[in-house]
Amino acid sequence: MSKGELLMTTDEKVELAQRIEGQLTGIIPSEWNKWCAYARRFGIKKAIQFAQIMQNSPSLRPGPKQSYRTISQVMGRFRKDLEKLSQDELAEVFGYVRRFLFARRGETHEERTRR
């Protein structure tokens, strides 16, 4: 198959993104965005290695360290699925994950303000 050929339907990409997002608990959305940019540039394997390095970085605060720990664990579980995707599909899945993360964050904020 050529690189430009899409392998997954939009529904399948959304479902994969929901499965990923459901396991990305407690991460800082800006760290997710940084990781996604790294993954798009260097690939999934190197991006997971990057997250593993960052989770132990003495220069990071505890919140970002935990984000990278979670990202490395979760994305490691989905690595085989993600490596099959074209660059366009990968960007689309990452975009859906980001939307779900921000939606969840918004719901949490709304729940807090109702109390």
PDB file of N, CA and C in Angstrom:
ATOM      1  N   MET A   1       0.834  -1.189   0.000  1.00  0.00           N
ATOM      2  CA  MET A   1       0.000   0.000   0.000  1.00  0.00           C
ATOM      3  C   MET A   1       0.871   1.241   0.000  1.00  0.00           C
ATOM      4  N   SER A   2       0.438   2.241  -0.715  1.00  0.00           N
ATOM      5  CA  SER A   2       1.208   3.474  -0.750  1.00  0.00           C
ATOM      6  C   SER A   2       0.985   4.258   0.539  1.00  0.00           C
ATOM      7  N   LYS A   3       1.931   5.122   0.828  1.00  0.00           N
ATOM      8  CA  LYS A   3       1.877   5.880   2.078  1.00  0.00           C
ATOM      9  C   LYS A   3       0.643   6.771   2.155  1.00  0.00           C
ATOM     10  N   GLY A   4       0.151   7.242   1.016  1.00  0.00           N
ATOM     11  CA  GLY A   4      -0.998   8.132   1.000  1.00  0.00           C
ATOM     12  C   GLY A   4      -2.332   7.425   1.145  1.00  0.00           C
ATOM     13  N   GLU A   5      -2.329   6.109   1.064  1.00  0.00           N
ATOM     14  CA  GLU A   5      -3.555   5.340   1.162  1.00  0.00           C
ATOM     15  C   GLU A   5      -4.015   5.266   2.612  1.00  0.00           C
ATOM     16  N   LEU A   6      -5.279   5.564   2.850  1.00  0.00           N
ATOM     17  CA  LEU A   6      -5.795   5.529   4.212  1.00  0.00           C
ATOM     18  C   LEU A   6      -6.233   4.114   4.557  1.00  0.00           C
ATOM     19  N   LEU A   7      -5.839   3.662   5.727  1.00  0.00           N
ATOM     20  CA  LEU A   7      -6.121   2.304   6.148  1.00  0.00           C
ATOM     21  C   LEU A   7      -7.333   2.211   7.075  1.00  0.00           C
ATOM     22  N   MET A   8      -7.650   3.285   7.761  1.00  0.00           N
ATOM     23  CA  MET A   8      -8.729   3.260   8.747  1.00  0.00           C
ATOM     24  C   MET A   8      -9.831   4.235   8.354  1.00  0.00           C
ATOM     25  N   THR A   9     -11.054   3.883   8.729  1.00  0.00           N
ATOM     26  CA  THR A   9     -12.163   4.813   8.538  1.00  0.00           C
ATOM     27  C   THR A   9     -12.090   5.872   9.638  1.00  0.00           C
ATOM     28  N   THR A  10     -12.826   6.944   9.458  1.00  0.00           N
ATOM     29  CA  THR A  10     -12.866   7.987  10.490  1.00  0.00           C
ATOM     30  C   THR A  10     -13.393   7.418  11.797  1.00  0.00           C
ATOM     31  N   ASP A  11     -14.415   6.580  11.732  1.00  0.00           N
ATOM     32  CA  ASP A  11     -14.959   5.975  12.957  1.00  0.00           C
ATOM     33  C   ASP A  11     -13.910   5.143  13.682  1.00  0.00           C
ATOM     34  N   GLU A  12     -13.091   4.414  12.935  1.00  0.00           N
ATOM     35  CA  GLU A  12     -12.034   3.604  13.552  1.00  0.00           C
ATOM     36  C   GLU A  12     -10.971   4.487  14.201  1.00  0.00           C
ATOM     37  N   LYS A  13     -10.647   5.604  13.560  1.00  0.00           N
ATOM     38  CA  LYS A  13      -9.659   6.528  14.127  1.00  0.00           C
ATOM     39  C   LYS A  13     -10.198   7.174  15.394  1.00  0.00           C
ATOM     40  N   VAL A  14     -11.473   7.545  15.393  1.00  0.00           N
ATOM     41  CA  VAL A  14     -12.087   8.136  16.583  1.00  0.00           C
ATOM     42  C   VAL A  14     -12.117   7.112  17.715  1.00  0.00           C
ATOM     43  N   GLU A  15     -12.461   5.871  17.395  1.00  0.00           N
ATOM     44  CA  GLU A  15     -12.510   4.815  18.417  1.00  0.00           C
ATOM     45  C   GLU A  15     -11.126   4.562  19.008  1.00  0.00           C
ATOM     46  N   LEU A  16     -10.098   4.526  18.174  1.00  0.00           N
ATOM     47  CA  LEU A  16      -8.731   4.351  18.660  1.00  0.00           C
ATOM     48  C   LEU A  16      -8.347   5.528  19.555  1.00  0.00           C
ATOM     49  N   ALA A  17      -8.672   6.732  19.136  1.00  0.00           N
ATOM     50  CA  ALA A  17      -8.365   7.926  19.933  1.00  0.00           C
ATOM     51  C   ALA A  17      -9.069   7.879  21.291  1.00  0.00           C
ATOM     52  N   GLN A  18     -10.308   7.413  21.315  1.00  0.00           N
ATOM     53  CA  GLN A  18     -11.038   7.306  22.580  1.00  0.00           C
ATOM     54  C   GLN A  18     -10.393   6.280  23.501  1.00  0.00           C
ATOM     55  N   ARG A  19      -9.933   5.169  22.939  1.00  0.00           N
ATOM     56  CA  ARG A  19      -9.260   4.151  23.758  1.00  0.00           C
ATOM     57  C   ARG A  19      -7.963   4.703  24.340  1.00  0.00           C
ATOM     58  N   ILE A  20      -7.221   5.448  23.528  1.00  0.00           N
ATOM     59  CA  ILE A  20      -5.977   6.044  24.010  1.00  0.00           C
ATOM     60  C   ILE A  20      -6.275   7.077  25.087  1.00  0.00           C
ATOM     61  N   GLU A  21      -7.171   7.987  24.796  1.00  0.00           N
ATOM     62  CA  GLU A  21      -7.491   9.069  25.737  1.00  0.00           C
ATOM     63  C   GLU A  21      -8.007   8.532  27.061  1.00  0.00           C
ATOM     64  N   GLY A  22      -8.768   7.454  27.007  1.00  0.00           N
ATOM     65  CA  GLY A  22      -9.314   6.873  28.232  1.00  0.00           C
ATOM     66  C   GLY A  22      -8.246   6.401  29.197  1.00  0.00           C
ATOM     67  N   GLN A  23      -7.052   6.134  28.685  1.00  0.00           N
ATOM     68  CA  GLN A  23      -5.953   5.675  29.546  1.00  0.00           C
ATOM     69  C   GLN A  23      -4.980   6.793  29.902  1.00  0.00           C
ATOM     70  N   LEU A  24      -5.140   7.959  29.281  1.00  0.00           N
ATOM     71  CA  LEU A  24      -4.239   9.089  29.542  1.00  0.00           C
ATOM     72  C   LEU A  24      -4.783   9.945  30.682  1.00  0.00           C
ATOM     73  N   THR A  25      -4.883   9.363  31.855  1.00  0.00           N
ATOM     74  CA  THR A  25      -5.415  10.099  32.994  1.00  0.00           C
ATOM     75  C   THR A  25      -4.308  10.880  33.695  1.00  0.00           C
ATOM     76  N   GLY A  26      -4.642  12.086  34.094  1.00  0.00           N
ATOM     77  CA  GLY A  26      -3.716  12.904  34.859  1.00  0.00           C
ATOM     78  C   GLY A  26      -2.600  13.550  34.069  1.00  0.00           C
ATOM     79  N   ILE A  27      -2.740  13.634  32.751  1.00  0.00           N
ATOM     80  CA  ILE A  27      -1.653  14.264  31.997  1.00  0.00           C
ATOM     81  C   ILE A  27      -1.956  15.737  31.750  1.00  0.00           C
ATOM     82  N   ILE A  28      -0.906  16.492  31.562  1.00  0.00           N
ATOM     83  CA  ILE A  28      -1.017  17.915  31.254  1.00  0.00           C
ATOM     84  C   ILE A  28      -1.155  18.037  29.736  1.00  0.00           C
ATOM     85  N   PRO A  29      -2.253  18.645  29.255  1.00  0.00           N
ATOM     86  CA  PRO A  29      -2.471  18.717  27.803  1.00  0.00           C
ATOM     87  C   PRO A  29      -1.302  19.323  27.025  1.00  0.00           C
ATOM     88  N   SER A  30      -0.614  20.307  27.589  1.00  0.00           N
ATOM     89  CA  SER A  30       0.509  20.901  26.856  1.00  0.00           C
ATOM     90  C   SER A  30       1.647  19.894  26.676  1.00  0.00           C
ATOM     91  N   GLU A  31       1.819  18.978  27.628  1.00  0.00           N
ATOM     92  CA  GLU A  31       2.845  17.940  27.481  1.00  0.00           C
ATOM     93  C   GLU A  31       2.431  16.949  26.389  1.00  0.00           C
ATOM     94  N   TRP A  32       1.136  16.677  26.286  1.00  0.00           N
ATOM     95  CA  TRP A  32       0.634  15.821  25.205  1.00  0.00           C
ATOM     96  C   TRP A  32       0.946  16.471  23.858  1.00  0.00           C
ATOM     97  N   ASN A  33       0.687  17.778  23.745  1.00  0.00           N
ATOM     98  CA  ASN A  33       0.947  18.482  22.489  1.00  0.00           C
ATOM     99  C   ASN A  33       2.429  18.430  22.117  1.00  0.00           C
ATOM    100  N   LYS A  34       3.305  18.613  23.090  1.00  0.00           N
ATOM    101  CA  LYS A  34       4.747  18.551  22.832  1.00  0.00           C
ATOM    102  C   LYS A  34       5.141  17.147  22.368  1.00  0.00           C
ATOM    103  N   TRP A  35       4.593  16.143  23.044  1.00  0.00           N
ATOM    104  CA  TRP A  35       4.919  14.763  22.685  1.00  0.00           C
ATOM    105  C   TRP A  35       4.436  14.449  21.263  1.00  0.00           C
ATOM    106  N   CYS A  36       3.237  14.899  20.925  1.00  0.00           N
ATOM    107  CA  CYS A  36       2.699  14.659  19.576  1.00  0.00           C
ATOM    108  C   CYS A  36       3.581  15.293  18.505  1.00  0.00           C
ATOM    109  N   ALA A  37       4.044  16.501  18.756  1.00  0.00           N
ATOM    110  CA  ALA A  37       4.922  17.165  17.789  1.00  0.00           C
ATOM    111  C   ALA A  37       6.206  16.357  17.611  1.00  0.00           C
ATOM    112  N   TYR A  38       6.736  15.856  18.692  1.00  0.00           N
ATOM    113  CA  TYR A  38       7.945  15.027  18.625  1.00  0.00           C
ATOM    114  C   TYR A  38       7.664  13.745  17.839  1.00  0.00           C
ATOM    115  N   ALA A  39       6.526  13.107  18.112  1.00  0.00           N
ATOM    116  CA  ALA A  39       6.163  11.856  17.429  1.00  0.00           C
ATOM    117  C   ALA A  39       5.983  12.068  15.929  1.00  0.00           C
ATOM    118  N   ARG A  40       5.375  13.175  15.543  1.00  0.00           N
ATOM    119  CA  ARG A  40       5.182  13.453  14.117  1.00  0.00           C
ATOM    120  C   ARG A  40       6.524  13.661  13.423  1.00  0.00           C
ATOM    121  N   ARG A  41       7.460  14.240  14.122  1.00  0.00           N
ATOM    122  CA  ARG A  41       8.761  14.529  13.507  1.00  0.00           C
ATOM    123  C   ARG A  41       9.691  13.313  13.486  1.00  0.00           C
ATOM    124  N   PHE A  42       9.707  12.535  14.583  1.00  0.00           N
ATOM    125  CA  PHE A  42      10.698  11.467  14.723  1.00  0.00           C
ATOM    126  C   PHE A  42      10.122  10.054  14.727  1.00  0.00           C
ATOM    127  N   GLY A  43       8.804   9.925  14.761  1.00  0.00           N
ATOM    128  CA  GLY A  43       8.182   8.606  14.755  1.00  0.00           C
ATOM    129  C   GLY A  43       7.793   8.145  16.152  1.00  0.00           C
ATOM    130  N   ILE A  44       6.920   7.148  16.193  1.00  0.00           N
ATOM    131  CA  ILE A  44       6.358   6.655  17.452  1.00  0.00           C
ATOM    132  C   ILE A  44       7.426   6.041  18.353  1.00  0.00           C
ATOM    133  N   LYS A  45       8.276   5.201  17.795  1.00  0.00           N
ATOM    134  CA  LYS A  45       9.278   4.515  18.612  1.00  0.00           C
ATOM    135  C   LYS A  45      10.172   5.514  19.343  1.00  0.00           C
ATOM    136  N   LYS A  46      10.704   6.484  18.609  1.00  0.00           N
ATOM    137  CA  LYS A  46      11.578   7.482  19.235  1.00  0.00           C
ATOM    138  C   LYS A  46      10.804   8.374  20.189  1.00  0.00           C
ATOM    139  N   ALA A  47       9.549   8.638  19.893  1.00  0.00           N
ATOM    140  CA  ALA A  47       8.739   9.478  20.771  1.00  0.00           C
ATOM    141  C   ALA A  47       8.472   8.778  22.106  1.00  0.00           C
ATOM    142  N   ILE A  48       8.252   7.473  22.072  1.00  0.00           N
ATOM    143  CA  ILE A  48       8.067   6.722  23.313  1.00  0.00           C
ATOM    144  C   ILE A  48       9.366   6.732  24.115  1.00  0.00           C
ATOM    145  N   GLN A  49      10.487   6.575  23.433  1.00  0.00           N
ATOM    146  CA  GLN A  49      11.788   6.650  24.114  1.00  0.00           C
ATOM    147  C   GLN A  49      11.997   8.039  24.721  1.00  0.00           C
ATOM    148  N   PHE A  50      11.600   9.078  23.997  1.00  0.00           N
ATOM    149  CA  PHE A  50      11.684  10.449  24.494  1.00  0.00           C
ATOM    150  C   PHE A  50      10.875  10.601  25.782  1.00  0.00           C
ATOM    151  N   ALA A  51       9.645  10.064  25.784  1.00  0.00           N
ATOM    152  CA  ALA A  51       8.802  10.151  26.978  1.00  0.00           C
ATOM    153  C   ALA A  51       9.434   9.406  28.154  1.00  0.00           C
ATOM    154  N   GLN A  52      10.068   8.272  27.871  1.00  0.00           N
ATOM    155  CA  GLN A  52      10.738   7.510  28.936  1.00  0.00           C
ATOM    156  C   GLN A  52      11.899   8.297  29.528  1.00  0.00           C
ATOM    157  N   ILE A  53      12.619   9.024  28.702  1.00  0.00           N
ATOM    158  CA  ILE A  53      13.716   9.861  29.195  1.00  0.00           C
ATOM    159  C   ILE A  53      13.164  11.032  30.006  1.00  0.00           C
ATOM    160  N   MET A  54      12.134  11.667  29.480  1.00  0.00           N
ATOM    161  CA  MET A  54      11.570  12.850  30.141  1.00  0.00           C
ATOM    162  C   MET A  54      10.928  12.520  31.486  1.00  0.00           C
ATOM    163  N   GLN A  55      10.399  11.317  31.637  1.00  0.00           N
ATOM    164  CA  GLN A  55       9.756  10.964  32.913  1.00  0.00           C
ATOM    165  C   GLN A  55      10.746  10.930  34.066  1.00  0.00           C
ATOM    166  N   ASN A  56      12.035  10.813  33.742  1.00  0.00           N
ATOM    167  CA  ASN A  56      13.078  10.774  34.770  1.00  0.00           C
ATOM    168  C   ASN A  56      13.956  12.019  34.772  1.00  0.00           C
ATOM    169  N   SER A  57      13.576  13.028  34.011  1.00  0.00           N
ATOM    170  CA  SER A  57      14.403  14.221  33.884  1.00  0.00           C
ATOM    171  C   SER A  57      14.418  15.028  35.182  1.00  0.00           C
ATOM    172  N   PRO A  58      15.600  15.329  35.710  1.00  0.00           N
ATOM    173  CA  PRO A  58      15.673  16.130  36.934  1.00  0.00           C
ATOM    174  C   PRO A  58      15.256  17.580  36.706  1.00  0.00           C
ATOM    175  N   SER A  59      15.185  18.003  35.450  1.00  0.00           N
ATOM    176  CA  SER A  59      14.824  19.397  35.169  1.00  0.00           C
ATOM    177  C   SER A  59      13.313  19.626  35.099  1.00  0.00           C
ATOM    178  N   LEU A  60      12.514  18.551  35.145  1.00  0.00           N
ATOM    179  CA  LEU A  60      11.056  18.700  35.070  1.00  0.00           C
ATOM    180  C   LEU A  60      10.415  18.643  36.457  1.00  0.00           C
ATOM    181  N   ARG A  61       9.332  19.377  36.592  1.00  0.00           N
ATOM    182  CA  ARG A  61       8.528  19.330  37.820  1.00  0.00           C
ATOM    183  C   ARG A  61       7.766  18.002  37.857  1.00  0.00           C
ATOM    184  N   PRO A  62       7.213  17.652  39.007  1.00  0.00           N
ATOM    185  CA  PRO A  62       6.504  16.363  39.135  1.00  0.00           C
ATOM    186  C   PRO A  62       5.330  16.192  38.162  1.00  0.00           C
ATOM    187  N   GLY A  63       4.559  17.253  37.887  1.00  0.00           N
ATOM    188  CA  GLY A  63       3.409  17.131  36.980  1.00  0.00           C
ATOM    189  C   GLY A  63       3.805  16.696  35.582  1.00  0.00           C
ATOM    190  N   PRO A  64       4.742  17.413  34.947  1.00  0.00           N
ATOM    191  CA  PRO A  64       5.188  16.980  33.622  1.00  0.00           C
ATOM    192  C   PRO A  64       5.851  15.599  33.637  1.00  0.00           C
ATOM    193  N   LYS A  65       6.594  15.289  34.684  1.00  0.00           N
ATOM    194  CA  LYS A  65       7.212  13.953  34.770  1.00  0.00           C
ATOM    195  C   LYS A  65       6.140  12.879  34.745  1.00  0.00           C
ATOM    196  N   GLN A  66       5.065  13.081  35.536  1.00  0.00           N
ATOM    197  CA  GLN A  66       3.977  12.106  35.568  1.00  0.00           C
ATOM    198  C   GLN A  66       3.291  12.018  34.212  1.00  0.00           C
ATOM    199  N   SER A  67       3.138  13.156  33.539  1.00  0.00           N
ATOM    200  CA  SER A  67       2.531  13.149  32.207  1.00  0.00           C
ATOM    201  C   SER A  67       3.332  12.277  31.254  1.00  0.00           C
ATOM    202  N   TYR A  68       4.648  12.449  31.250  1.00  0.00           N
ATOM    203  CA  TYR A  68       5.485  11.655  30.349  1.00  0.00           C
ATOM    204  C   TYR A  68       5.509  10.187  30.743  1.00  0.00           C
ATOM    205  N   ARG A  69       5.420   9.897  32.032  1.00  0.00           N
ATOM    206  CA  ARG A  69       5.357   8.496  32.482  1.00  0.00           C
ATOM    207  C   ARG A  69       4.086   7.849  31.924  1.00  0.00           C
ATOM    208  N   THR A  70       2.981   8.543  32.060  1.00  0.00           N
ATOM    209  CA  THR A  70       1.705   8.024  31.558  1.00  0.00           C
ATOM    210  C   THR A  70       1.734   7.890  30.037  1.00  0.00           C
ATOM    211  N   ILE A  71       2.245   8.906  29.354  1.00  0.00           N
ATOM    212  CA  ILE A  71       2.320   8.866  27.890  1.00  0.00           C
ATOM    213  C   ILE A  71       3.162   7.680  27.438  1.00  0.00           C
ATOM    214  N   SER A  72       4.325   7.468  28.070  1.00  0.00           N
ATOM    215  CA  SER A  72       5.188   6.364  27.628  1.00  0.00           C
ATOM    216  C   SER A  72       4.520   5.017  27.847  1.00  0.00           C
ATOM    217  N   GLN A  73       3.813   4.864  28.949  1.00  0.00           N
ATOM    218  CA  GLN A  73       3.136   3.594  29.235  1.00  0.00           C
ATOM    219  C   GLN A  73       1.979   3.358  28.266  1.00  0.00           C
ATOM    220  N   VAL A  74       1.130   4.357  28.124  1.00  0.00           N
ATOM    221  CA  VAL A  74      -0.067   4.203  27.284  1.00  0.00           C
ATOM    222  C   VAL A  74       0.308   4.059  25.809  1.00  0.00           C
ATOM    223  N   MET A  75       1.183   4.917  25.330  1.00  0.00           N
ATOM    224  CA  MET A  75       1.531   4.864  23.912  1.00  0.00           C
ATOM    225  C   MET A  75       2.332   3.609  23.595  1.00  0.00           C
ATOM    226  N   GLY A  76       3.051   3.084  24.571  1.00  0.00           N
ATOM    227  CA  GLY A  76       3.725   1.802  24.382  1.00  0.00           C
ATOM    228  C   GLY A  76       2.732   0.684  24.124  1.00  0.00           C
ATOM    229  N   ARG A  77       1.585   0.749  24.796  1.00  0.00           N
ATOM    230  CA  ARG A  77       0.536  -0.264  24.596  1.00  0.00           C
ATOM    231  C   ARG A  77      -0.077  -0.184  23.199  1.00  0.00           C
ATOM    232  N   PHE A  78      -0.131   1.026  22.637  1.00  0.00           N
ATOM    233  CA  PHE A  78      -0.772   1.243  21.337  1.00  0.00           C
ATOM    234  C   PHE A  78       0.232   1.364  20.200  1.00  0.00           C
ATOM    235  N   ARG A  79       1.500   1.141  20.496  1.00  0.00           N
ATOM    236  CA  ARG A  79       2.568   1.363  19.509  1.00  0.00           C
ATOM    237  C   ARG A  79       2.332   0.616  18.193  1.00  0.00           C
ATOM    238  N   LYS A  80       2.021  -0.665  18.267  1.00  0.00           N
ATOM    239  CA  LYS A  80       1.841  -1.449  17.040  1.00  0.00           C
ATOM    240  C   LYS A  80       0.711  -0.895  16.177  1.00  0.00           C
ATOM    241  N   ASP A  81      -0.387  -0.512  16.804  1.00  0.00           N
ATOM    242  CA  ASP A  81      -1.506   0.070  16.053  1.00  0.00           C
ATOM    243  C   ASP A  81      -1.099   1.385  15.402  1.00  0.00           C
ATOM    244  N   LEU A  82      -0.391   2.214  16.154  1.00  0.00           N
ATOM    245  CA  LEU A  82      -0.025   3.535  15.658  1.00  0.00           C
ATOM    246  C   LEU A  82       1.024   3.480  14.559  1.00  0.00           C
ATOM    247  N   GLU A  83       1.930   2.529  14.634  1.00  0.00           N
ATOM    248  CA  GLU A  83       2.982   2.423  13.618  1.00  0.00           C
ATOM    249  C   GLU A  83       2.438   2.022  12.253  1.00  0.00           C
ATOM    250  N   LYS A  84       1.246   1.461  12.211  1.00  0.00           N
ATOM    251  CA  LYS A  84       0.620   1.063  10.948  1.00  0.00           C
ATOM    252  C   LYS A  84       0.001   2.251  10.206  1.00  0.00           C
ATOM    253  N   LEU A  85      -0.175   3.368  10.895  1.00  0.00           N
ATOM    254  CA  LEU A  85      -0.879   4.509  10.319  1.00  0.00           C
ATOM    255  C   LEU A  85       0.033   5.369   9.457  1.00  0.00           C
ATOM    256  N   SER A  86      -0.574   5.991   8.456  1.00  0.00           N
ATOM    257  CA  SER A  86       0.147   6.988   7.669  1.00  0.00           C
ATOM    258  C   SER A  86       0.335   8.238   8.531  1.00  0.00           C
ATOM    259  N   GLN A  87       1.187   9.148   8.095  1.00  0.00           N
ATOM    260  CA  GLN A  87       1.408  10.393   8.842  1.00  0.00           C
ATOM    261  C   GLN A  87       0.105  11.180   8.999  1.00  0.00           C
ATOM    262  N   ASP A  88      -0.711  11.215   7.953  1.00  0.00           N
ATOM    263  CA  ASP A  88      -1.979  11.944   8.017  1.00  0.00           C
ATOM    264  C   ASP A  88      -2.934  11.302   9.022  1.00  0.00           C
ATOM    265  N   GLU A  89      -3.004   9.972   9.001  1.00  0.00           N
ATOM    266  CA  GLU A  89      -3.884   9.273   9.942  1.00  0.00           C
ATOM    267  C   GLU A  89      -3.409   9.480  11.373  1.00  0.00           C
ATOM    268  N   LEU A  90      -2.102   9.422  11.567  1.00  0.00           N
ATOM    269  CA  LEU A  90      -1.538   9.608  12.897  1.00  0.00           C
ATOM    270  C   LEU A  90      -1.871  11.005  13.423  1.00  0.00           C
ATOM    271  N   ALA A  91      -1.713  12.004  12.591  1.00  0.00           N
ATOM    272  CA  ALA A  91      -2.044  13.374  12.990  1.00  0.00           C
ATOM    273  C   ALA A  91      -3.523  13.487  13.339  1.00  0.00           C
ATOM    274  N   GLU A  92      -4.362  12.801  12.582  1.00  0.00           N
ATOM    275  CA  GLU A  92      -5.806  12.838  12.842  1.00  0.00           C
ATOM    276  C   GLU A  92      -6.141  12.173  14.181  1.00  0.00           C
ATOM    277  N   VAL A  93      -5.558  11.010  14.438  1.00  0.00           N
ATOM    278  CA  VAL A  93      -5.804  10.319  15.714  1.00  0.00           C
ATOM    279  C   VAL A  93      -5.315  11.172  16.878  1.00  0.00           C
ATOM    280  N   PHE A  94      -4.106  11.742  16.763  1.00  0.00           N
ATOM    281  CA  PHE A  94      -3.587  12.597  17.829  1.00  0.00           C
ATOM    282  C   PHE A  94      -4.487  13.806  18.058  1.00  0.00           C
ATOM    283  N   GLY A  95      -5.031  14.352  16.976  1.00  0.00           N
ATOM    284  CA  GLY A  95      -5.958  15.483  17.102  1.00  0.00           C
ATOM    285  C   GLY A  95      -7.221  15.102  17.855  1.00  0.00           C
ATOM    286  N   TYR A  96      -7.768  13.932  17.553  1.00  0.00           N
ATOM    287  CA  TYR A  96      -8.952  13.468  18.282  1.00  0.00           C
ATOM    288  C   TYR A  96      -8.634  13.254  19.760  1.00  0.00           C
ATOM    289  N   VAL A  97      -7.483  12.666  20.047  1.00  0.00           N
ATOM    290  CA  VAL A  97      -7.084  12.461  21.447  1.00  0.00           C
ATOM    291  C   VAL A  97      -7.032  13.810  22.155  1.00  0.00           C
ATOM    292  N   ARG A  98      -6.404  14.800  21.512  1.00  0.00           N
ATOM    293  CA  ARG A  98      -6.298  16.127  22.120  1.00  0.00           C
ATOM    294  C   ARG A  98      -7.679  16.716  22.392  1.00  0.00           C
ATOM    295  N   ARG A  99      -8.580  16.583  21.441  1.00  0.00           N
ATOM    296  CA  ARG A  99      -9.943  17.105  21.648  1.00  0.00           C
ATOM    297  C   ARG A  99     -10.621  16.424  22.830  1.00  0.00           C
ATOM    298  N   PHE A 100     -10.464  15.101  22.926  1.00  0.00           N
ATOM    299  CA  PHE A 100     -11.073  14.374  24.038  1.00  0.00           C
ATOM    300  C   PHE A 100     -10.454  14.783  25.366  1.00  0.00           C
ATOM    301  N   LEU A 101      -9.138  14.999  25.380  1.00  0.00           N
ATOM    302  CA  LEU A 101      -8.467  15.444  26.608  1.00  0.00           C
ATOM    303  C   LEU A 101      -8.993  16.801  27.059  1.00  0.00           C
ATOM    304  N   PHE A 102      -9.115  17.732  26.113  1.00  0.00           N
ATOM    305  CA  PHE A 102      -9.614  19.058  26.463  1.00  0.00           C
ATOM    306  C   PHE A 102     -11.089  19.013  26.855  1.00  0.00           C
ATOM    307  N   ALA A 103     -11.875  18.154  26.215  1.00  0.00           N
ATOM    308  CA  ALA A 103     -13.283  18.015  26.581  1.00  0.00           C
ATOM    309  C   ALA A 103     -13.404  17.476  28.003  1.00  0.00           C
ATOM    310  N   ARG A 104     -12.591  16.481  28.339  1.00  0.00           N
ATOM    311  CA  ARG A 104     -12.621  15.906  29.685  1.00  0.00           C
ATOM    312  C   ARG A 104     -12.205  16.955  30.706  1.00  0.00           C
ATOM    313  N   ARG A 105     -11.186  17.722  30.359  1.00  0.00           N
ATOM    314  CA  ARG A 105     -10.712  18.771  31.257  1.00  0.00           C
ATOM    315  C   ARG A 105     -11.814  19.805  31.482  1.00  0.00           C
ATOM    316  N   GLY A 106     -12.540  20.152  30.417  1.00  0.00           N
ATOM    317  CA  GLY A 106     -13.648  21.103  30.530  1.00  0.00           C
ATOM    318  C   GLY A 106     -14.773  20.567  31.403  1.00  0.00           C
ATOM    319  N   GLU A 107     -15.092  19.270  31.258  1.00  0.00           N
ATOM    320  CA  GLU A 107     -16.125  18.661  32.087  1.00  0.00           C
ATOM    321  C   GLU A 107     -15.722  18.682  33.545  1.00  0.00           C
ATOM    322  N   THR A 108     -14.470  18.392  33.816  1.00  0.00           N
ATOM    323  CA  THR A 108     -13.985  18.402  35.184  1.00  0.00           C
ATOM    324  C   THR A 108     -14.109  19.802  35.770  1.00  0.00           C
ATOM    325  N   HIS A 109     -13.762  20.819  34.981  1.00  0.00           N
ATOM    326  CA  HIS A 109     -13.861  22.194  35.440  1.00  0.00           C
ATOM    327  C   HIS A 109     -15.321  22.555  35.707  1.00  0.00           C
ATOM    328  N   GLU A 110     -16.235  22.159  34.812  1.00  0.00           N
ATOM    329  CA  GLU A 110     -17.652  22.443  34.996  1.00  0.00           C
ATOM    330  C   GLU A 110     -18.187  21.756  36.245  1.00  0.00           C
ATOM    331  N   GLU A 111     -17.766  20.504  36.476  1.00  0.00           N
ATOM    332  CA  GLU A 111     -18.221  19.785  37.661  1.00  0.00           C
ATOM    333  C   GLU A 111     -17.775  20.505  38.926  1.00  0.00           C
ATOM    334  N   ARG A 112     -16.562  21.048  38.917  1.00  0.00           N
ATOM    335  CA  ARG A 112     -16.050  21.761  40.086  1.00  0.00           C
ATOM    336  C   ARG A 112     -16.827  23.040  40.341  1.00  0.00           C
ATOM    337  N   THR A 113     -17.194  23.751  39.261  1.00  0.00           N
ATOM    338  CA  THR A 113     -17.877  25.042  39.443  1.00  0.00           C
ATOM    339  C   THR A 113     -19.330  24.863  39.859  1.00  0.00           C
ATOM    340  N   ARG A 114     -19.892  23.698  39.675  1.00  0.00           N
ATOM    341  CA  ARG A 114     -21.278  23.439  40.096  1.00  0.00           C
ATOM    342  C   ARG A 114     -21.392  23.248  41.605  1.00  0.00           C
ATOM    343  N   ARG A 115     -20.285  22.888  42.245  1.00  0.00           N
ATOM    344  CA  ARG A 115     -20.321  22.615  43.698  1.00  0.00           C
ATOM    345  C   ARG A 115     -20.404  23.863  44.512  1.00  0.00           C
TER     346      ARG A 115
END
